[in-house]
Amino acid sequence: MAGLTNDQIGVLAVWNDCTPGDEEKYEAWYQREHLLDRLKVPGFRVGRRYEAMDGTPQFFTYYETDTVDVLNSNVYQGQVNNPSPLTRTIMSRTFINMNRTVCERIWCEGSMTAGYAVTVRAQDDADGVDDAGMRALAKDLDVARVEKWSSAAQPTDPSTEESIRGGDEHIANCIIVHVLREEHARKLSRKLRLSLGNKTEIGFYRLLCELRSEAG
């Protein structure tokens, strides 16, 4: 398996909320079915789930794949177009405020993962941030990794899962900063909100769990 410092891997980035009252069902589905199913797809390397400490939506999940083509493979498309009965239920009533984008990682500084993440989402390419300044954050000893994801070509037709959800929002790009300590991550998210204003959406998340492919 290629190392994490390789740039152009595929990334499936998801931000969403959970319908109040459905939290237990949502967690059971994610932990006992959904993550396991996704990581069985050839080419999926790792899935990570986060929960918001500050900012919205409440949840952030992403998957790394060998290439962006994995997310258009027959096996993966078979999953998203043939959801299980429980997935249909979750997608129809529990997944809300869904933002889901197939991305390609275009650069990466650092090779470690940490317990906190600050995400900087832009809905339009013109709303991006200074790449050089963000890459420089990796020099901080409390920053494990900084990477940028850019939207790849999205499927022309919505999958069955997306149709059940009623359609998803998408991002143009995202910079994610993996941070070791909560205090530092909180300060960074505040600093970015002040410096970027309304150009981007900033989220501060803590890692809930990670699942790696057995093939990796």
N, C-alpha and C. Protein backbone atom coordinates (compact mmCIF):
# COMPACT_ATOMS: atom_id res chain seq x y z
N MET A 1 0.84 -1.19 0.00
CA MET A 1 0.00 0.00 0.00
C MET A 1 0.88 1.24 0.00
N ALA A 2 0.51 2.25 -0.81
CA ALA A 2 1.29 3.47 -0.88
C ALA A 2 1.22 4.22 0.43
N GLY A 3 2.27 4.97 0.73
CA GLY A 3 2.33 5.70 1.99
C GLY A 3 1.40 6.88 2.02
N LEU A 4 1.07 7.34 3.21
CA LEU A 4 0.15 8.45 3.37
C LEU A 4 0.67 9.74 2.78
N THR A 5 1.98 9.86 2.60
CA THR A 5 2.51 11.10 2.06
C THR A 5 2.31 11.21 0.55
N ASN A 6 1.93 10.11 -0.14
CA ASN A 6 1.59 10.22 -1.55
C ASN A 6 0.39 11.13 -1.70
N ASP A 7 0.43 12.00 -2.70
CA ASP A 7 -0.60 13.03 -2.79
C ASP A 7 -1.90 12.53 -3.41
N GLN A 8 -1.88 12.04 -4.63
CA GLN A 8 -3.10 11.90 -5.38
C GLN A 8 -3.83 10.59 -5.11
N ILE A 9 -4.35 10.48 -3.91
CA ILE A 9 -5.24 9.38 -3.57
C ILE A 9 -6.67 9.89 -3.68
N GLY A 10 -7.61 8.97 -3.66
CA GLY A 10 -9.01 9.37 -3.65
C GLY A 10 -9.49 9.61 -2.22
N VAL A 11 -10.43 10.51 -2.07
CA VAL A 11 -11.03 10.81 -0.77
C VAL A 11 -12.53 10.97 -0.95
N LEU A 12 -13.29 10.27 -0.15
CA LEU A 12 -14.73 10.49 -0.07
C LEU A 12 -14.99 11.25 1.22
N ALA A 13 -15.42 12.50 1.10
CA ALA A 13 -15.59 13.39 2.25
C ALA A 13 -17.07 13.61 2.53
N VAL A 14 -17.48 13.39 3.77
CA VAL A 14 -18.89 13.46 4.14
C VAL A 14 -19.06 14.28 5.43
N TRP A 15 -19.94 15.27 5.39
CA TRP A 15 -20.36 15.99 6.59
C TRP A 15 -21.88 15.85 6.69
N ASN A 16 -22.39 15.60 7.89
CA ASN A 16 -23.84 15.44 8.03
C ASN A 16 -24.26 15.62 9.49
N ASP A 17 -25.55 15.82 9.65
CA ASP A 17 -26.17 15.81 10.96
C ASP A 17 -27.00 14.54 11.11
N CYS A 18 -27.43 14.29 12.33
CA CYS A 18 -28.28 13.14 12.64
C CYS A 18 -29.61 13.65 13.19
N THR A 19 -30.70 13.09 12.73
CA THR A 19 -32.01 13.48 13.23
C THR A 19 -32.09 13.26 14.74
N PRO A 20 -32.44 14.28 15.52
CA PRO A 20 -32.54 14.11 16.97
C PRO A 20 -33.46 12.95 17.34
N GLY A 21 -32.98 12.13 18.27
CA GLY A 21 -33.74 10.96 18.69
C GLY A 21 -33.31 9.68 17.99
N ASP A 22 -32.56 9.82 16.87
CA ASP A 22 -32.11 8.65 16.12
C ASP A 22 -30.64 8.32 16.38
N GLU A 23 -30.05 8.94 17.39
CA GLU A 23 -28.61 8.78 17.60
C GLU A 23 -28.18 7.33 17.82
N GLU A 24 -28.92 6.58 18.63
CA GLU A 24 -28.53 5.21 18.92
C GLU A 24 -28.59 4.34 17.66
N LYS A 25 -29.66 4.50 16.88
CA LYS A 25 -29.79 3.75 15.64
C LYS A 25 -28.68 4.13 14.65
N TYR A 26 -28.38 5.41 14.60
CA TYR A 26 -27.33 5.92 13.72
C TYR A 26 -25.97 5.31 14.06
N GLU A 27 -25.64 5.30 15.36
CA GLU A 27 -24.35 4.76 15.79
C GLU A 27 -24.26 3.25 15.54
N ALA A 28 -25.33 2.54 15.83
CA ALA A 28 -25.33 1.10 15.61
C ALA A 28 -25.12 0.77 14.14
N TRP A 29 -25.79 1.51 13.26
CA TRP A 29 -25.64 1.29 11.82
C TRP A 29 -24.21 1.57 11.37
N TYR A 30 -23.64 2.69 11.81
CA TYR A 30 -22.29 3.04 11.38
C TYR A 30 -21.25 2.03 11.89
N GLN A 31 -21.37 1.68 13.17
CA GLN A 31 -20.33 0.85 13.79
C GLN A 31 -20.45 -0.63 13.45
N ARG A 32 -21.65 -1.09 13.21
CA ARG A 32 -21.86 -2.53 13.00
C ARG A 32 -22.10 -2.93 11.54
N GLU A 33 -22.35 -1.94 10.68
CA GLU A 33 -22.63 -2.28 9.29
C GLU A 33 -21.87 -1.39 8.30
N HIS A 34 -22.08 -0.09 8.37
CA HIS A 34 -21.69 0.78 7.27
C HIS A 34 -20.18 0.87 7.06
N LEU A 35 -19.44 1.17 8.13
CA LEU A 35 -17.98 1.26 7.99
C LEU A 35 -17.40 -0.06 7.50
N LEU A 36 -17.88 -1.15 8.04
CA LEU A 36 -17.38 -2.47 7.66
C LEU A 36 -17.64 -2.76 6.18
N ASP A 37 -18.84 -2.41 5.71
CA ASP A 37 -19.17 -2.64 4.30
C ASP A 37 -18.28 -1.81 3.38
N ARG A 38 -18.10 -0.54 3.72
CA ARG A 38 -17.30 0.33 2.86
C ARG A 38 -15.85 -0.15 2.77
N LEU A 39 -15.29 -0.58 3.89
CA LEU A 39 -13.88 -0.99 3.89
C LEU A 39 -13.67 -2.36 3.25
N LYS A 40 -14.75 -3.05 2.87
CA LYS A 40 -14.62 -4.29 2.11
C LYS A 40 -14.44 -4.03 0.62
N VAL A 41 -14.70 -2.80 0.19
CA VAL A 41 -14.56 -2.46 -1.24
C VAL A 41 -13.08 -2.43 -1.60
N PRO A 42 -12.64 -3.16 -2.62
CA PRO A 42 -11.23 -3.13 -3.03
C PRO A 42 -10.77 -1.71 -3.34
N GLY A 43 -9.64 -1.33 -2.78
CA GLY A 43 -9.12 0.01 -3.00
C GLY A 43 -9.41 0.98 -1.88
N PHE A 44 -10.36 0.64 -0.98
CA PHE A 44 -10.60 1.47 0.20
C PHE A 44 -9.51 1.16 1.22
N ARG A 45 -8.82 2.18 1.71
CA ARG A 45 -7.72 2.00 2.65
C ARG A 45 -8.15 2.18 4.11
N VAL A 46 -8.84 3.27 4.38
CA VAL A 46 -9.16 3.61 5.76
C VAL A 46 -10.40 4.49 5.80
N GLY A 47 -11.19 4.33 6.86
CA GLY A 47 -12.33 5.20 7.12
C GLY A 47 -12.19 5.81 8.50
N ARG A 48 -12.46 7.10 8.62
CA ARG A 48 -12.34 7.78 9.92
C ARG A 48 -13.62 8.56 10.19
N ARG A 49 -14.12 8.42 11.42
CA ARG A 49 -15.33 9.13 11.85
C ARG A 49 -14.96 10.16 12.92
N TYR A 50 -15.56 11.34 12.80
CA TYR A 50 -15.32 12.44 13.74
C TYR A 50 -16.65 13.02 14.21
N GLU A 51 -16.60 13.67 15.38
CA GLU A 51 -17.75 14.39 15.91
C GLU A 51 -17.35 15.82 16.23
N ALA A 52 -18.24 16.76 15.97
CA ALA A 52 -17.92 18.17 16.11
C ALA A 52 -17.71 18.57 17.56
N MET A 53 -16.63 19.32 17.81
CA MET A 53 -16.41 20.00 19.08
C MET A 53 -16.88 21.45 18.97
N ASP A 54 -16.85 21.96 17.76
CA ASP A 54 -17.26 23.33 17.47
C ASP A 54 -17.56 23.42 15.99
N GLY A 55 -18.65 24.08 15.64
CA GLY A 55 -19.02 24.18 14.24
C GLY A 55 -20.02 23.11 13.83
N THR A 56 -20.47 23.20 12.60
CA THR A 56 -21.45 22.26 12.07
C THR A 56 -20.99 21.79 10.69
N PRO A 57 -21.55 20.68 10.20
CA PRO A 57 -22.48 19.74 10.81
C PRO A 57 -21.86 18.96 11.98
N GLN A 58 -22.70 18.14 12.59
CA GLN A 58 -22.28 17.42 13.80
C GLN A 58 -21.23 16.36 13.52
N PHE A 59 -21.31 15.74 12.35
CA PHE A 59 -20.41 14.62 12.04
C PHE A 59 -19.61 14.87 10.77
N PHE A 60 -18.41 14.34 10.76
CA PHE A 60 -17.51 14.39 9.62
C PHE A 60 -16.89 13.01 9.47
N THR A 61 -16.99 12.44 8.28
CA THR A 61 -16.43 11.13 8.00
C THR A 61 -15.69 11.20 6.67
N TYR A 62 -14.55 10.54 6.60
CA TYR A 62 -13.91 10.45 5.29
C TYR A 62 -13.21 9.11 5.11
N TYR A 63 -13.09 8.75 3.84
CA TYR A 63 -12.44 7.51 3.43
C TYR A 63 -11.30 7.84 2.48
N GLU A 64 -10.16 7.18 2.66
CA GLU A 64 -9.06 7.26 1.71
C GLU A 64 -9.11 6.03 0.82
N THR A 65 -8.91 6.24 -0.48
CA THR A 65 -8.89 5.14 -1.44
C THR A 65 -7.61 5.21 -2.27
N ASP A 66 -7.24 4.10 -2.88
CA ASP A 66 -6.00 4.05 -3.66
C ASP A 66 -5.96 5.13 -4.73
N THR A 67 -7.06 5.29 -5.43
CA THR A 67 -7.21 6.33 -6.45
C THR A 67 -8.66 6.81 -6.42
N VAL A 68 -8.93 7.91 -7.09
CA VAL A 68 -10.30 8.40 -7.14
C VAL A 68 -11.18 7.45 -7.95
N ASP A 69 -10.57 6.68 -8.86
CA ASP A 69 -11.35 5.75 -9.68
C ASP A 69 -12.03 4.67 -8.85
N VAL A 70 -11.48 4.37 -7.66
CA VAL A 70 -12.10 3.37 -6.79
C VAL A 70 -13.53 3.78 -6.47
N LEU A 71 -13.78 5.08 -6.36
CA LEU A 71 -15.10 5.58 -5.98
C LEU A 71 -16.09 5.54 -7.15
N ASN A 72 -15.60 5.15 -8.33
CA ASN A 72 -16.47 4.92 -9.48
C ASN A 72 -16.45 3.46 -9.91
N SER A 73 -15.84 2.60 -9.07
CA SER A 73 -15.71 1.19 -9.44
C SER A 73 -17.06 0.48 -9.38
N ASN A 74 -17.14 -0.65 -10.07
CA ASN A 74 -18.38 -1.42 -10.09
C ASN A 74 -18.76 -1.91 -8.69
N VAL A 75 -17.75 -2.29 -7.90
CA VAL A 75 -18.04 -2.80 -6.56
C VAL A 75 -18.64 -1.70 -5.69
N TYR A 76 -18.01 -0.54 -5.69
CA TYR A 76 -18.53 0.56 -4.86
C TYR A 76 -19.88 1.04 -5.36
N GLN A 77 -20.02 1.19 -6.66
CA GLN A 77 -21.31 1.62 -7.20
C GLN A 77 -22.39 0.58 -6.91
N GLY A 78 -22.00 -0.68 -6.85
CA GLY A 78 -22.96 -1.71 -6.47
C GLY A 78 -23.48 -1.51 -5.05
N GLN A 79 -22.59 -1.05 -4.15
CA GLN A 79 -23.03 -0.78 -2.78
C GLN A 79 -24.00 0.40 -2.72
N VAL A 80 -23.62 1.52 -3.33
CA VAL A 80 -24.44 2.73 -3.19
C VAL A 80 -25.75 2.65 -3.98
N ASN A 81 -25.82 1.70 -4.91
CA ASN A 81 -27.05 1.55 -5.68
C ASN A 81 -27.89 0.36 -5.23
N ASN A 82 -27.39 -0.38 -4.23
CA ASN A 82 -28.15 -1.51 -3.68
C ASN A 82 -28.04 -1.49 -2.15
N PRO A 83 -28.53 -0.43 -1.52
CA PRO A 83 -28.38 -0.32 -0.07
C PRO A 83 -29.19 -1.37 0.68
N SER A 84 -28.68 -1.73 1.86
CA SER A 84 -29.38 -2.69 2.71
C SER A 84 -30.65 -2.06 3.26
N PRO A 85 -31.58 -2.87 3.78
CA PRO A 85 -32.79 -2.32 4.37
C PRO A 85 -32.51 -1.29 5.47
N LEU A 86 -31.51 -1.57 6.32
CA LEU A 86 -31.19 -0.62 7.39
C LEU A 86 -30.61 0.66 6.80
N THR A 87 -29.76 0.53 5.78
CA THR A 87 -29.21 1.73 5.14
C THR A 87 -30.31 2.57 4.53
N ARG A 88 -31.29 1.95 3.91
CA ARG A 88 -32.41 2.69 3.34
C ARG A 88 -33.14 3.49 4.42
N THR A 89 -33.33 2.86 5.58
CA THR A 89 -34.01 3.54 6.68
C THR A 89 -33.19 4.73 7.17
N ILE A 90 -31.89 4.51 7.36
CA ILE A 90 -31.02 5.58 7.84
C ILE A 90 -30.97 6.72 6.84
N MET A 91 -30.82 6.40 5.55
CA MET A 91 -30.71 7.43 4.52
C MET A 91 -32.00 8.22 4.36
N SER A 92 -33.12 7.61 4.63
CA SER A 92 -34.41 8.27 4.40
C SER A 92 -34.83 9.18 5.54
N ARG A 93 -34.31 8.93 6.78
CA ARG A 93 -34.84 9.71 7.90
C ARG A 93 -33.78 10.19 8.89
N THR A 94 -32.61 9.57 8.89
CA THR A 94 -31.63 9.86 9.94
C THR A 94 -30.49 10.73 9.46
N PHE A 95 -29.97 10.47 8.25
CA PHE A 95 -28.94 11.32 7.64
C PHE A 95 -29.59 12.62 7.17
N ILE A 96 -29.19 13.74 7.73
CA ILE A 96 -29.74 15.04 7.29
C ILE A 96 -28.59 16.02 7.09
N ASN A 97 -28.90 17.08 6.33
CA ASN A 97 -27.91 18.13 6.03
C ASN A 97 -26.63 17.52 5.44
N MET A 98 -26.80 16.68 4.46
CA MET A 98 -25.71 15.89 3.90
C MET A 98 -24.87 16.68 2.91
N ASN A 99 -23.57 16.67 3.13
CA ASN A 99 -22.60 17.24 2.20
C ASN A 99 -21.61 16.14 1.88
N ARG A 100 -21.60 15.67 0.65
CA ARG A 100 -20.79 14.50 0.26
C ARG A 100 -20.11 14.79 -1.07
N THR A 101 -18.79 14.61 -1.11
CA THR A 101 -18.05 14.93 -2.32
C THR A 101 -16.95 13.90 -2.58
N VAL A 102 -16.88 13.43 -3.80
CA VAL A 102 -15.76 12.61 -4.25
C VAL A 102 -14.61 13.56 -4.57
N CYS A 103 -13.46 13.35 -3.91
CA CYS A 103 -12.33 14.26 -4.05
C CYS A 103 -11.05 13.52 -4.43
N GLU A 104 -10.08 14.31 -4.84
CA GLU A 104 -8.72 13.83 -5.01
C GLU A 104 -7.81 14.67 -4.13
N ARG A 105 -6.91 14.03 -3.40
CA ARG A 105 -5.97 14.78 -2.58
C ARG A 105 -4.89 15.34 -3.49
N ILE A 106 -4.70 16.66 -3.46
CA ILE A 106 -3.77 17.28 -4.41
C ILE A 106 -2.44 17.64 -3.77
N TRP A 107 -2.40 17.77 -2.44
CA TRP A 107 -1.11 17.87 -1.75
C TRP A 107 -1.27 17.44 -0.29
N CYS A 108 -0.13 17.09 0.29
CA CYS A 108 -0.13 16.62 1.67
C CYS A 108 1.21 16.95 2.30
N GLU A 109 1.18 17.53 3.51
CA GLU A 109 2.38 17.80 4.28
C GLU A 109 2.29 17.03 5.59
N GLY A 110 3.20 16.09 5.81
CA GLY A 110 3.17 15.27 7.02
C GLY A 110 2.63 13.89 6.74
N SER A 111 2.81 12.99 7.71
CA SER A 111 2.42 11.60 7.49
C SER A 111 1.68 10.96 8.65
N MET A 112 1.37 11.73 9.68
CA MET A 112 0.70 11.17 10.85
C MET A 112 -0.76 11.62 10.93
N THR A 113 -1.53 10.86 11.68
CA THR A 113 -2.91 11.23 11.98
C THR A 113 -3.01 11.54 13.47
N ALA A 114 -3.88 12.46 13.84
CA ALA A 114 -4.02 12.87 15.24
C ALA A 114 -5.48 12.77 15.67
N GLY A 115 -5.72 13.09 16.94
CA GLY A 115 -7.05 12.92 17.51
C GLY A 115 -8.04 14.02 17.21
N TYR A 116 -7.57 15.12 16.60
CA TYR A 116 -8.45 16.24 16.29
C TYR A 116 -8.22 16.69 14.86
N ALA A 117 -9.25 17.25 14.25
CA ALA A 117 -9.15 17.74 12.88
C ALA A 117 -9.89 19.06 12.76
N VAL A 118 -9.28 19.99 12.05
CA VAL A 118 -9.93 21.24 11.68
C VAL A 118 -10.13 21.20 10.17
N THR A 119 -11.38 21.34 9.73
CA THR A 119 -11.67 21.30 8.30
C THR A 119 -12.05 22.69 7.81
N VAL A 120 -11.52 23.03 6.65
CA VAL A 120 -11.78 24.33 6.00
C VAL A 120 -12.42 24.03 4.66
N ARG A 121 -13.74 24.18 4.59
CA ARG A 121 -14.48 23.82 3.38
C ARG A 121 -14.81 25.06 2.55
N ALA A 122 -14.60 24.95 1.25
CA ALA A 122 -14.99 26.00 0.32
C ALA A 122 -16.00 25.44 -0.67
N GLN A 123 -17.07 26.18 -0.91
CA GLN A 123 -18.10 25.74 -1.83
C GLN A 123 -17.82 26.12 -3.27
N ASP A 124 -16.83 27.01 -3.45
CA ASP A 124 -16.50 27.49 -4.79
C ASP A 124 -14.99 27.62 -4.88
N ASP A 125 -14.43 27.33 -6.05
CA ASP A 125 -12.98 27.41 -6.21
C ASP A 125 -12.44 28.79 -5.91
N ALA A 126 -13.24 29.81 -6.13
CA ALA A 126 -12.80 31.17 -5.86
C ALA A 126 -12.72 31.48 -4.37
N ASP A 127 -13.29 30.60 -3.55
CA ASP A 127 -13.31 30.82 -2.11
C ASP A 127 -12.20 30.07 -1.38
N GLY A 128 -11.17 29.69 -2.07
CA GLY A 128 -10.10 28.93 -1.47
C GLY A 128 -9.26 29.77 -0.53
N VAL A 129 -8.22 29.17 0.01
CA VAL A 129 -7.34 29.85 0.96
C VAL A 129 -5.91 29.80 0.42
N ASP A 130 -5.04 30.50 1.09
CA ASP A 130 -3.63 30.53 0.71
C ASP A 130 -2.99 29.17 0.98
N ASP A 131 -2.69 28.44 -0.08
CA ASP A 131 -2.13 27.10 0.10
C ASP A 131 -0.80 27.14 0.83
N ALA A 132 0.04 28.09 0.47
CA ALA A 132 1.37 28.15 1.10
C ALA A 132 1.26 28.35 2.60
N GLY A 133 0.35 29.23 3.02
CA GLY A 133 0.16 29.48 4.44
C GLY A 133 -0.37 28.25 5.17
N MET A 134 -1.27 27.52 4.53
CA MET A 134 -1.82 26.33 5.17
C MET A 134 -0.79 25.21 5.22
N ARG A 135 0.01 25.07 4.18
CA ARG A 135 1.04 24.04 4.19
C ARG A 135 2.07 24.31 5.28
N ALA A 136 2.30 25.58 5.55
CA ALA A 136 3.29 25.95 6.57
C ALA A 136 2.86 25.53 7.96
N LEU A 137 1.55 25.28 8.16
CA LEU A 137 1.07 24.84 9.47
C LEU A 137 1.72 23.53 9.89
N ALA A 138 2.16 22.73 8.92
CA ALA A 138 2.76 21.43 9.23
C ALA A 138 4.07 21.57 9.99
N LYS A 139 4.65 22.76 10.01
CA LYS A 139 5.89 22.99 10.74
C LYS A 139 5.66 23.03 12.25
N ASP A 140 4.41 23.25 12.65
CA ASP A 140 4.05 23.29 14.06
C ASP A 140 4.12 21.87 14.64
N LEU A 141 4.80 21.70 15.76
CA LEU A 141 4.95 20.38 16.36
C LEU A 141 3.63 19.78 16.82
N ASP A 142 2.60 20.61 17.00
CA ASP A 142 1.31 20.09 17.43
C ASP A 142 0.41 19.77 16.24
N VAL A 143 0.93 19.91 15.03
CA VAL A 143 0.20 19.55 13.81
C VAL A 143 0.81 18.30 13.21
N ALA A 144 0.00 17.27 13.05
CA ALA A 144 0.50 15.99 12.53
C ALA A 144 0.53 15.96 11.01
N ARG A 145 -0.46 16.59 10.38
CA ARG A 145 -0.55 16.53 8.92
C ARG A 145 -1.50 17.62 8.44
N VAL A 146 -1.21 18.15 7.25
CA VAL A 146 -2.11 19.10 6.57
C VAL A 146 -2.27 18.60 5.14
N GLU A 147 -3.50 18.57 4.66
CA GLU A 147 -3.72 18.11 3.29
C GLU A 147 -4.85 18.88 2.64
N LYS A 148 -4.83 18.92 1.32
CA LYS A 148 -5.88 19.60 0.58
C LYS A 148 -6.57 18.61 -0.36
N TRP A 149 -7.90 18.64 -0.34
CA TRP A 149 -8.70 17.82 -1.22
C TRP A 149 -9.42 18.73 -2.20
N SER A 150 -9.51 18.30 -3.44
CA SER A 150 -10.22 19.06 -4.46
C SER A 150 -11.28 18.16 -5.09
N SER A 151 -12.44 18.72 -5.36
CA SER A 151 -13.53 17.95 -5.92
C SER A 151 -13.13 17.32 -7.25
N ALA A 152 -13.41 16.04 -7.39
CA ALA A 152 -13.21 15.33 -8.65
C ALA A 152 -14.54 15.33 -9.41
N ALA A 153 -14.53 14.75 -10.59
CA ALA A 153 -15.77 14.66 -11.36
C ALA A 153 -16.79 13.85 -10.59
N GLN A 154 -17.97 14.42 -10.37
CA GLN A 154 -19.03 13.73 -9.66
C GLN A 154 -19.85 12.89 -10.63
N PRO A 155 -20.46 11.80 -10.15
CA PRO A 155 -21.32 10.99 -11.03
C PRO A 155 -22.42 11.84 -11.66
N THR A 156 -22.72 11.57 -12.92
CA THR A 156 -23.73 12.37 -13.61
C THR A 156 -25.13 12.11 -13.07
N ASP A 157 -25.36 10.90 -12.61
CA ASP A 157 -26.67 10.54 -12.05
C ASP A 157 -26.52 10.22 -10.57
N PRO A 158 -27.45 10.65 -9.75
CA PRO A 158 -27.36 10.33 -8.32
C PRO A 158 -27.51 8.83 -8.08
N SER A 159 -26.78 8.34 -7.08
CA SER A 159 -26.92 6.94 -6.70
C SER A 159 -28.27 6.72 -6.03
N THR A 160 -28.62 5.45 -5.82
CA THR A 160 -29.86 5.15 -5.11
C THR A 160 -29.82 5.74 -3.70
N GLU A 161 -28.66 5.63 -3.03
CA GLU A 161 -28.54 6.18 -1.68
C GLU A 161 -28.77 7.69 -1.68
N GLU A 162 -28.17 8.40 -2.64
CA GLU A 162 -28.37 9.86 -2.68
C GLU A 162 -29.81 10.21 -2.98
N SER A 163 -30.43 9.45 -3.87
CA SER A 163 -31.84 9.71 -4.19
C SER A 163 -32.73 9.54 -2.97
N ILE A 164 -32.43 8.53 -2.16
CA ILE A 164 -33.19 8.32 -0.92
C ILE A 164 -33.00 9.51 0.01
N ARG A 165 -31.77 10.04 0.07
CA ARG A 165 -31.49 11.19 0.94
C ARG A 165 -32.12 12.47 0.43
N GLY A 166 -32.48 12.50 -0.85
CA GLY A 166 -33.07 13.71 -1.41
C GLY A 166 -32.07 14.65 -2.03
N GLY A 167 -30.84 14.16 -2.29
CA GLY A 167 -29.81 14.99 -2.91
C GLY A 167 -28.82 15.51 -1.89
N ASP A 168 -27.56 15.64 -2.31
CA ASP A 168 -26.49 16.07 -1.43
C ASP A 168 -25.90 17.40 -1.87
N GLU A 169 -25.36 18.14 -0.92
CA GLU A 169 -24.54 19.29 -1.24
C GLU A 169 -23.11 18.82 -1.49
N HIS A 170 -22.30 19.68 -2.13
CA HIS A 170 -20.93 19.32 -2.46
C HIS A 170 -20.00 20.49 -2.14
N ILE A 171 -18.72 20.18 -1.98
CA ILE A 171 -17.71 21.21 -1.80
C ILE A 171 -16.86 21.31 -3.07
N ALA A 172 -16.15 22.45 -3.19
CA ALA A 172 -15.16 22.58 -4.26
C ALA A 172 -13.81 22.08 -3.80
N ASN A 173 -13.47 22.39 -2.55
CA ASN A 173 -12.20 21.92 -1.99
C ASN A 173 -12.26 21.98 -0.47
N CYS A 174 -11.30 21.31 0.15
CA CYS A 174 -11.23 21.30 1.60
C CYS A 174 -9.77 21.17 2.03
N ILE A 175 -9.39 21.90 3.04
CA ILE A 175 -8.10 21.70 3.70
C ILE A 175 -8.39 21.15 5.08
N ILE A 176 -7.72 20.04 5.40
CA ILE A 176 -7.89 19.42 6.71
C ILE A 176 -6.56 19.44 7.44
N VAL A 177 -6.61 19.91 8.69
CA VAL A 177 -5.43 19.99 9.54
C VAL A 177 -5.61 19.00 10.68
N HIS A 178 -4.72 18.02 10.76
CA HIS A 178 -4.75 17.01 11.82
C HIS A 178 -3.92 17.54 13.00
N VAL A 179 -4.57 17.68 14.15
CA VAL A 179 -3.95 18.35 15.29
C VAL A 179 -3.91 17.40 16.49
N LEU A 180 -2.78 17.44 17.23
CA LEU A 180 -2.58 16.51 18.33
C LEU A 180 -3.44 16.83 19.55
N ARG A 181 -3.56 18.10 19.90
CA ARG A 181 -4.17 18.48 21.18
C ARG A 181 -5.40 19.35 20.98
N GLU A 182 -6.40 19.12 21.84
CA GLU A 182 -7.66 19.84 21.74
C GLU A 182 -7.48 21.35 21.82
N GLU A 183 -6.70 21.82 22.78
CA GLU A 183 -6.54 23.26 22.96
C GLU A 183 -5.97 23.91 21.70
N HIS A 184 -4.98 23.27 21.10
CA HIS A 184 -4.36 23.84 19.91
C HIS A 184 -5.34 23.84 18.73
N ALA A 185 -6.10 22.76 18.60
CA ALA A 185 -7.08 22.68 17.51
C ALA A 185 -8.18 23.73 17.68
N ARG A 186 -8.60 23.96 18.91
CA ARG A 186 -9.63 24.96 19.17
C ARG A 186 -9.11 26.37 18.81
N LYS A 187 -7.88 26.66 19.20
CA LYS A 187 -7.30 27.96 18.88
C LYS A 187 -7.15 28.14 17.38
N LEU A 188 -6.73 27.08 16.69
CA LEU A 188 -6.56 27.17 15.25
C LEU A 188 -7.89 27.42 14.55
N SER A 189 -8.94 26.73 14.97
CA SER A 189 -10.24 26.94 14.33
C SER A 189 -10.74 28.37 14.54
N ARG A 190 -10.50 28.94 15.73
CA ARG A 190 -10.90 30.32 15.97
C ARG A 190 -10.10 31.28 15.11
N LYS A 191 -8.80 31.04 15.01
CA LYS A 191 -7.93 31.90 14.20
C LYS A 191 -8.35 31.88 12.73
N LEU A 192 -8.69 30.70 12.22
CA LEU A 192 -9.09 30.59 10.83
C LEU A 192 -10.43 31.27 10.58
N ARG A 193 -11.35 31.19 11.53
CA ARG A 193 -12.63 31.88 11.37
C ARG A 193 -12.42 33.39 11.27
N LEU A 194 -11.53 33.90 12.10
CA LEU A 194 -11.27 35.34 12.09
C LEU A 194 -10.59 35.77 10.79
N SER A 195 -9.66 34.96 10.30
CA SER A 195 -8.89 35.36 9.13
C SER A 195 -9.63 35.12 7.82
N LEU A 196 -10.50 34.11 7.77
CA LEU A 196 -11.17 33.76 6.52
C LEU A 196 -12.58 34.31 6.42
N GLY A 197 -13.16 34.71 7.54
CA GLY A 197 -14.49 35.29 7.51
C GLY A 197 -15.52 34.34 6.94
N ASN A 198 -16.32 34.86 5.98
CA ASN A 198 -17.39 34.06 5.40
C ASN A 198 -16.97 33.31 4.14
N LYS A 199 -15.67 33.32 3.83
CA LYS A 199 -15.22 32.68 2.60
C LYS A 199 -15.30 31.16 2.67
N THR A 200 -15.19 30.61 3.87
CA THR A 200 -15.17 29.16 4.03
C THR A 200 -16.01 28.77 5.24
N GLU A 201 -16.21 27.47 5.39
CA GLU A 201 -16.88 26.92 6.57
C GLU A 201 -15.84 26.15 7.37
N ILE A 202 -15.70 26.51 8.64
CA ILE A 202 -14.68 25.92 9.50
C ILE A 202 -15.34 24.96 10.48
N GLY A 203 -14.79 23.77 10.61
CA GLY A 203 -15.27 22.80 11.59
C GLY A 203 -14.13 22.29 12.45
N PHE A 204 -14.42 22.03 13.70
CA PHE A 204 -13.42 21.50 14.65
C PHE A 204 -13.97 20.19 15.18
N TYR A 205 -13.27 19.08 14.92
CA TYR A 205 -13.78 17.75 15.18
C TYR A 205 -12.80 16.90 15.99
N ARG A 206 -13.35 15.97 16.76
CA ARG A 206 -12.52 14.99 17.47
C ARG A 206 -12.74 13.62 16.84
N LEU A 207 -11.68 12.85 16.76
CA LEU A 207 -11.76 11.52 16.15
C LEU A 207 -12.55 10.57 17.05
N LEU A 208 -13.52 9.89 16.45
CA LEU A 208 -14.28 8.87 17.15
C LEU A 208 -13.69 7.48 16.95
N CYS A 209 -13.38 7.14 15.71
CA CYS A 209 -12.84 5.81 15.43
C CYS A 209 -12.20 5.79 14.06
N GLU A 210 -11.41 4.75 13.85
CA GLU A 210 -10.74 4.55 12.56
C GLU A 210 -10.82 3.07 12.22
N LEU A 211 -11.09 2.77 10.97
CA LEU A 211 -11.12 1.38 10.50
C LEU A 211 -10.26 1.28 9.26
N ARG A 212 -9.31 0.34 9.27
CA ARG A 212 -8.44 0.14 8.11
C ARG A 212 -8.80 -1.14 7.38
N SER A 213 -8.56 -1.12 6.08
CA SER A 213 -8.81 -2.31 5.28
C SER A 213 -7.90 -3.45 5.69
N GLU A 214 -8.45 -4.64 5.77
CA GLU A 214 -7.63 -5.81 6.09
C GLU A 214 -6.62 -6.08 4.97
N ALA A 215 -6.93 -5.62 3.77
CA ALA A 215 -6.02 -5.82 2.64
C ALA A 215 -4.81 -4.91 2.73
N GLY A 216 -4.95 -3.81 3.54
CA GLY A 216 -3.85 -2.86 3.65
C GLY A 216 -2.75 -3.32 4.55
